[in-house]
Amino acid sequence: MACGEPKKVAYLLAASHSGSTLLAMLLNAHPDVVTVGELKATNLGDVTRYRCSCGKLIRECRFWASVSQTMVERGIPFDISDARTDFRVGVSAYTRWLLRLLHRGPVLERVRDVALALSPRWRSCLRRTQQRNLALVETVCELTGAHVIVDSSKLALRLKYLLQNPAFDIRVIRLIRDGRAVALTYTDPCAFADARDPSLRGGGCGGSHSGEGLSLAQAARAWRRSNEEAENVLATLHPSRWTSIRYEDLCASPRDVLAGVFTFLGLDPGKAAADFRALEHHVLGNGMRLDSTSEVCLDERWKSVLTEDDLQVFHAVAGDLNRRYGYV
């Protein structure tokens, strides 16, 4: 599949609502880096009302129109509302069920691989999805002149399959955030994990996340499993191919943390713009992409919102892992 030099991809691996959209936009301030957020491009909702982070409705965004046109010129019909860059799209119900399972280590991954190999449709879908991901990466880099693209899709299982594509040179940035803060966002995504302006929530149209909230026990379990899955995938990589940062450190000292990330990616930290909001972004993902402030602020609302009973529930489910990550 690969021809020429592999395309450089910085993959953000994290539990959802850990700050990946913020990190992606901060990295996007470097002239050699580009991001459109989550390259898996799912969950856009009502695409006629979904806003690009440039502020325009995504159907009216010139950048995304150019992406679609260039993809067509590459022989791949493309619509951002049906990007088909997610490995779970277009597969059979049997395959979709197999892909719902989180990464659980080498033995069970081999079992999954054997089960998937029984499906000719999966092999066809995998090849096609790899080709679409490569075409999208090449298109975005061509349109922006960037050398490195950031994919903030976060999912460990997506990373597993991207790593199998020889056309990609992937470096992984693992982002960790205090599990108590993340769990709070899962209980009420609208209040704790979306744009500050209520009229811009739900993809930019003022929608809500009604019915999406989890109980605190479910939220703690989801955070734990996501991080365990990340560890399983990273265990398959040479240490030189990944780095780890904490959301709290990024907020406390963004310039220093970003300098370390840029160096890890082989880029000159001094070229990055000081104000990431001063640049135009075309990012899909978390609602914070639509905020206007350039200030990087640590969000620790969990300290005032979660009760002692809530904290006991969290610690019973995920406290040991949270402490291992240095959160006390």
Protein backbone atom coordinates (compact mmCIF):
# COMPACT_ATOMS: atom_id res chain seq x y z
CA MET A 1 0.00 0.00 0.00
CA ALA A 2 2.85 2.36 0.75
CA CYS A 3 4.60 4.26 -2.03
CA GLY A 4 7.26 6.83 -1.30
CA GLU A 5 7.90 8.10 2.20
CA PRO A 6 5.37 7.04 4.87
CA LYS A 7 3.09 9.83 6.04
CA LYS A 8 3.88 11.02 9.55
CA VAL A 9 0.95 10.66 11.94
CA ALA A 10 0.88 11.76 15.59
CA TYR A 11 -1.84 9.69 17.21
CA LEU A 12 -3.42 10.98 20.42
CA LEU A 13 -4.26 7.99 22.61
CA ALA A 14 -6.50 8.78 25.57
CA ALA A 15 -9.77 8.22 27.33
CA SER A 16 -12.41 10.53 25.88
CA HIS A 17 -12.65 13.98 27.50
CA SER A 18 -9.02 13.89 28.61
CA GLY A 19 -8.03 17.05 26.73
CA SER A 20 -7.17 15.57 23.33
CA THR A 21 -8.97 18.28 21.34
CA LEU A 22 -7.11 20.98 23.26
CA LEU A 23 -3.78 19.23 22.72
CA ALA A 24 -4.49 18.73 19.02
CA MET A 25 -5.29 22.42 18.51
CA LEU A 26 -2.19 23.47 20.44
CA LEU A 27 -0.06 21.22 18.23
CA ASN A 28 -1.81 22.67 15.19
CA ALA A 29 -0.16 26.02 15.98
CA HIS A 30 3.08 24.61 14.54
CA PRO A 31 3.49 25.34 10.80
CA ASP A 32 4.65 21.78 10.08
CA VAL A 33 1.65 20.22 11.85
CA VAL A 34 -1.99 19.95 10.86
CA THR A 35 -5.01 18.45 12.53
CA VAL A 36 -8.66 18.12 11.69
CA GLY A 37 -9.28 16.44 15.02
CA GLU A 38 -10.72 12.94 14.91
CA LEU A 39 -9.88 11.34 11.57
CA LYS A 40 -12.37 8.58 12.29
CA ALA A 41 -14.98 11.33 11.75
CA THR A 42 -17.95 9.76 13.51
CA ASN A 43 -20.79 11.10 15.67
CA LEU A 44 -21.26 14.39 13.83
CA GLY A 45 -24.99 14.23 14.44
CA ASP A 46 -27.07 16.49 12.19
CA VAL A 47 -24.43 17.41 9.62
CA THR A 48 -26.58 20.26 8.27
CA ARG A 49 -26.15 21.99 11.65
CA TYR A 50 -22.66 20.79 12.57
CA ARG A 51 -20.06 23.56 12.73
CA CYS A 52 -16.44 23.33 11.75
CA SER A 53 -14.14 24.89 14.33
CA CYS A 54 -13.58 27.77 11.91
CA GLY A 55 -17.12 28.80 12.87
CA LYS A 56 -18.87 27.99 9.61
CA LEU A 57 -21.40 25.24 9.12
CA ILE A 58 -19.36 22.32 7.90
CA ARG A 59 -21.35 22.20 4.65
CA GLU A 60 -20.28 25.80 4.00
CA CYS A 61 -16.62 25.44 5.02
CA ARG A 62 -14.27 25.99 2.08
CA PHE A 63 -11.60 23.79 3.61
CA TRP A 64 -13.86 20.75 3.83
CA ALA A 65 -15.18 21.46 0.34
CA SER A 66 -11.57 21.39 -0.87
CA VAL A 67 -10.97 18.13 0.99
CA SER A 68 -13.97 16.53 -0.72
CA GLN A 69 -12.91 17.81 -4.16
CA THR A 70 -9.32 16.61 -3.76
CA MET A 71 -10.47 13.21 -2.55
CA VAL A 72 -12.67 12.90 -5.63
CA GLU A 73 -9.67 13.76 -7.79
CA ARG A 74 -7.88 10.86 -6.09
CA GLY A 75 -10.73 8.60 -7.18
CA ILE A 76 -12.40 8.42 -3.75
CA PRO A 77 -15.86 9.99 -3.39
CA PHE A 78 -15.86 11.66 0.02
CA ASP A 79 -18.38 13.34 2.29
CA ILE A 80 -17.41 14.26 5.84
CA SER A 81 -20.82 13.05 7.07
CA ASP A 82 -19.95 9.60 5.69
CA ALA A 83 -16.16 9.58 5.77
CA ARG A 84 -15.83 5.80 6.17
CA THR A 85 -12.46 6.17 7.86
CA ASP A 86 -13.68 4.33 10.96
CA PHE A 87 -12.76 0.64 10.82
CA ARG A 88 -16.16 -0.25 12.27
CA VAL A 89 -18.14 1.26 9.39
CA GLY A 90 -19.47 -0.91 6.55
CA VAL A 91 -18.73 -4.22 8.24
CA SER A 92 -21.12 -7.06 9.05
CA ALA A 93 -22.97 -7.28 12.34
CA TYR A 94 -20.66 -10.17 13.30
CA THR A 95 -17.55 -8.07 12.64
CA ARG A 96 -19.03 -5.01 14.34
CA TRP A 97 -19.57 -7.09 17.48
CA LEU A 98 -15.95 -8.28 17.40
CA LEU A 99 -14.72 -4.71 17.01
CA ARG A 100 -16.79 -3.47 19.95
CA LEU A 101 -14.59 -5.40 22.36
CA LEU A 102 -11.75 -3.36 23.86
CA HIS A 103 -8.13 -4.39 23.40
CA ARG A 104 -7.42 -6.95 26.13
CA GLY A 105 -3.83 -8.01 25.54
CA PRO A 106 -1.95 -10.22 23.08
CA VAL A 107 -3.74 -13.53 23.66
CA LEU A 108 -7.27 -12.22 23.23
CA GLU A 109 -6.17 -10.00 20.35
CA ARG A 110 -4.95 -13.08 18.51
CA VAL A 111 -8.34 -14.66 19.11
CA ARG A 112 -10.03 -11.57 17.70
CA ASP A 113 -7.74 -11.57 14.66
CA VAL A 114 -8.48 -15.22 13.94
CA ALA A 115 -12.22 -14.61 14.26
CA LEU A 116 -12.06 -11.58 11.97
CA ALA A 117 -10.01 -13.49 9.40
CA LEU A 118 -13.01 -15.78 8.88
CA SER A 119 -14.87 -12.87 7.29
CA PRO A 120 -13.97 -12.06 3.64
CA ARG A 121 -16.04 -8.90 4.01
CA TRP A 122 -13.82 -7.74 6.88
CA ARG A 123 -10.67 -8.20 4.82
CA SER A 124 -12.21 -6.14 2.03
CA CYS A 125 -13.45 -3.44 4.44
CA LEU A 126 -10.10 -3.27 6.23
CA ARG A 127 -8.21 -2.75 2.97
CA ARG A 128 -10.68 -0.11 1.77
CA THR A 129 -10.68 1.75 5.10
CA GLN A 130 -6.88 1.80 5.20
CA GLN A 131 -6.87 3.30 1.70
CA ARG A 132 -9.42 5.98 2.66
CA ASN A 133 -7.44 6.92 5.78
CA LEU A 134 -4.27 7.26 3.73
CA ALA A 135 -6.02 9.34 1.07
CA LEU A 136 -7.51 11.65 3.70
CA VAL A 137 -4.14 12.12 5.43
CA GLU A 138 -2.42 12.85 2.12
CA THR A 139 -5.17 15.25 1.10
CA VAL A 140 -5.11 17.28 4.31
CA CYS A 141 -1.32 17.48 4.31
CA GLU A 142 -1.31 18.49 0.63
CA LEU A 143 -3.86 21.25 1.19
CA THR A 144 -2.05 22.67 4.23
CA GLY A 145 1.59 21.99 3.41
CA ALA A 146 2.08 20.20 6.74
CA HIS A 147 4.49 17.31 7.29
CA VAL A 148 2.82 15.79 10.36
CA ILE A 149 -0.89 15.20 10.87
CA VAL A 150 -2.43 14.76 14.32
CA ASP A 151 -5.24 12.23 14.68
CA SER A 152 -7.12 12.81 17.94
CA SER A 153 -9.41 9.79 17.54
CA LYS A 154 -8.10 8.42 20.87
CA LEU A 155 -9.29 4.83 20.38
CA ALA A 156 -6.69 2.15 21.05
CA LEU A 157 -8.26 -0.36 18.67
CA ARG A 158 -8.16 2.18 15.82
CA LEU A 159 -4.49 2.71 16.60
CA LYS A 160 -3.88 -1.04 16.33
CA TYR A 161 -5.09 -1.10 12.73
CA LEU A 162 -3.39 2.14 11.71
CA LEU A 163 -0.11 0.66 12.97
CA GLN A 164 -0.58 -2.17 10.48
CA ASN A 165 -0.57 0.29 7.57
CA PRO A 166 2.98 0.56 6.16
CA ALA A 167 2.05 3.87 4.52
CA PHE A 168 2.01 5.51 7.96
CA ASP A 169 4.90 6.44 10.23
CA ILE A 170 3.02 6.69 13.52
CA ARG A 171 4.17 8.26 16.76
CA VAL A 172 1.84 7.97 19.73
CA ILE A 173 1.18 10.67 22.30
CA ARG A 174 -0.58 9.18 25.27
CA LEU A 175 -2.60 11.73 27.21
CA ILE A 176 -3.65 10.94 30.78
CA ARG A 177 -6.07 12.93 32.93
CA ASP A 178 -7.22 12.46 36.52
CA GLY A 179 -9.89 9.78 36.35
CA ARG A 180 -12.16 11.68 38.73
CA ALA A 181 -12.31 14.62 36.33
CA VAL A 182 -12.95 12.36 33.35
CA ALA A 183 -15.61 10.35 35.17
CA LEU A 184 -17.48 13.55 35.96
CA THR A 185 -17.62 14.42 32.25
CA TYR A 186 -19.15 11.03 31.50
CA THR A 187 -21.97 11.62 33.98
CA ASP A 188 -23.03 14.86 32.25
CA PRO A 189 -21.22 15.49 28.93
CA CYS A 190 -23.24 18.61 28.14
CA ALA A 191 -22.27 20.43 31.33
CA PHE A 192 -18.69 19.21 31.68
CA ALA A 193 -17.41 18.27 28.20
CA ASP A 194 -18.70 20.70 25.60
CA ALA A 195 -18.43 24.31 24.46
CA ARG A 196 -18.69 26.95 27.15
CA ASP A 197 -21.39 28.74 25.15
CA PRO A 198 -24.58 26.61 25.41
CA SER A 199 -25.67 27.76 21.94
CA LEU A 200 -22.58 26.09 20.46
CA ARG A 201 -22.96 22.75 22.18
CA GLY A 202 -24.00 19.55 20.46
CA GLY A 203 -21.80 20.14 17.42
CA GLY A 204 -22.35 23.88 17.28
CA CYS A 205 -26.12 23.96 16.98
CA GLY A 206 -27.07 24.22 20.65
CA GLY A 207 -27.99 20.55 20.99
CA SER A 208 -27.76 18.51 24.15
CA HIS A 209 -26.34 15.14 25.18
CA SER A 210 -29.64 13.98 26.63
CA GLY A 211 -29.56 10.35 27.67
CA GLU A 212 -25.78 9.99 27.31
CA GLY A 213 -24.88 10.35 30.99
CA LEU A 214 -23.47 7.38 32.90
CA SER A 215 -23.65 6.55 36.56
CA LEU A 216 -20.44 7.32 38.41
CA ALA A 217 -19.62 3.62 38.71
CA GLN A 218 -20.10 3.17 34.97
CA ALA A 219 -18.02 6.28 34.30
CA ALA A 220 -15.16 5.08 36.50
CA ARG A 221 -15.23 1.69 34.80
CA ALA A 222 -15.18 3.29 31.33
CA TRP A 223 -12.18 5.45 32.26
CA ARG A 224 -10.35 2.46 33.71
CA ARG A 225 -10.97 0.19 30.72
CA SER A 226 -9.92 2.88 28.24
CA ASN A 227 -6.59 3.33 30.00
CA GLU A 228 -6.03 -0.40 30.39
CA GLU A 229 -6.68 -0.76 26.66
CA ALA A 230 -4.16 2.01 25.94
CA GLU A 231 -1.54 0.22 28.02
CA ASN A 232 -2.15 -3.02 26.12
CA VAL A 233 -1.53 -1.36 22.76
CA LEU A 234 1.53 0.57 23.95
CA ALA A 235 3.03 -2.69 25.21
CA THR A 236 3.34 -3.74 21.55
CA LEU A 237 5.39 -0.66 20.61
CA HIS A 238 9.05 0.19 21.04
CA PRO A 239 9.40 2.94 23.70
CA SER A 240 10.89 5.28 21.10
CA ARG A 241 7.56 5.39 19.28
CA TRP A 242 5.46 6.80 22.06
CA THR A 243 5.49 9.40 24.80
CA SER A 244 3.16 10.16 27.68
CA ILE A 245 1.94 13.48 29.09
CA ARG A 246 -0.61 14.51 31.69
CA TYR A 247 -3.44 16.94 31.01
CA GLU A 248 -2.74 18.72 34.29
CA ASP A 249 0.90 19.31 33.32
CA LEU A 250 -0.17 20.58 29.90
CA CYS A 251 -2.47 23.13 31.52
CA ALA A 252 0.08 24.18 34.13
CA SER A 253 2.96 24.63 31.69
CA PRO A 254 1.75 24.39 28.08
CA ARG A 255 4.87 25.82 26.48
CA ASP A 256 7.22 23.37 28.20
CA VAL A 257 5.01 20.33 27.61
CA LEU A 258 4.44 21.23 23.96
CA ALA A 259 8.17 21.76 23.44
CA GLY A 260 8.71 18.19 24.62
CA VAL A 261 6.04 16.87 22.27
CA PHE A 262 7.37 18.80 19.27
CA THR A 263 10.87 17.49 20.00
CA PHE A 264 9.49 13.95 20.23
CA LEU A 265 7.94 14.46 16.77
CA GLY A 266 11.25 15.74 15.37
CA LEU A 267 10.04 19.32 15.01
CA ASP A 268 11.52 22.66 16.08
CA PRO A 269 9.47 23.89 19.08
CA GLY A 270 10.48 27.49 18.34
CA LYS A 271 8.37 27.61 15.18
CA ALA A 272 5.03 27.21 17.00
CA ALA A 273 2.73 30.24 17.19
CA ALA A 274 2.21 31.61 20.70
CA ASP A 275 -1.59 31.99 20.37
CA PHE A 276 -3.22 28.88 18.96
CA ARG A 277 -6.63 30.62 18.71
CA ALA A 278 -5.18 33.25 16.39
CA LEU A 279 -4.97 30.59 13.68
CA GLU A 280 -7.83 29.11 11.70
CA HIS A 281 -8.60 25.52 12.65
CA HIS A 282 -10.83 22.96 10.93
CA VAL A 283 -11.28 20.51 13.76
CA LEU A 284 -13.88 17.83 14.41
CA GLY A 285 -14.53 16.57 17.92
CA ASN A 286 -15.10 17.99 21.37
CA GLY A 287 -17.09 21.22 21.73
CA MET A 288 -14.15 23.13 23.22
CA ARG A 289 -12.92 23.54 19.62
CA LEU A 290 -15.65 26.22 19.31
CA ASP A 291 -14.55 28.21 22.38
CA SER A 292 -12.90 31.56 21.78
CA THR A 293 -10.48 31.88 24.69
CA SER A 294 -6.78 31.28 24.12
CA GLU A 295 -6.14 30.74 27.81
CA VAL A 296 -5.31 27.16 28.76
CA CYS A 297 -7.09 26.57 32.06
CA LEU A 298 -7.07 23.52 34.28
CA ASP A 299 -10.60 22.20 34.74
CA GLU A 300 -10.92 20.70 38.22
CA ARG A 301 -14.64 21.08 38.76
CA TRP A 302 -14.74 17.53 40.03
CA LYS A 303 -13.29 18.77 43.33
CA SER A 304 -16.42 20.81 44.05
CA VAL A 305 -19.04 18.68 42.29
CA LEU A 306 -18.27 15.11 43.33
CA THR A 307 -19.47 14.19 46.81
CA GLU A 308 -17.63 11.99 49.28
CA ASP A 309 -19.98 9.17 48.33
CA ASP A 310 -19.15 9.76 44.66
CA LEU A 311 -15.45 9.63 45.39
CA GLN A 312 -15.83 6.39 47.32
CA VAL A 313 -17.60 4.85 44.33
CA PHE A 314 -14.84 6.00 41.99
CA HIS A 315 -12.04 4.77 44.24
CA ALA A 316 -13.68 1.36 44.60
CA VAL A 317 -13.70 0.94 40.82
CA ALA A 318 -10.61 2.79 39.59
CA GLY A 319 -8.79 4.32 42.54
CA ASP A 320 -5.77 2.03 42.32
CA LEU A 321 -5.14 2.89 38.66
CA ASN A 322 -5.64 6.60 39.31
CA ARG A 323 -3.06 6.46 42.09
CA ARG A 324 -0.64 4.59 39.84
CA TYR A 325 -0.86 7.54 37.45
CA GLY A 326 0.13 9.84 40.29
CA TYR A 327 -3.28 11.20 41.34
CA VAL A 328 -3.93 11.14 45.07
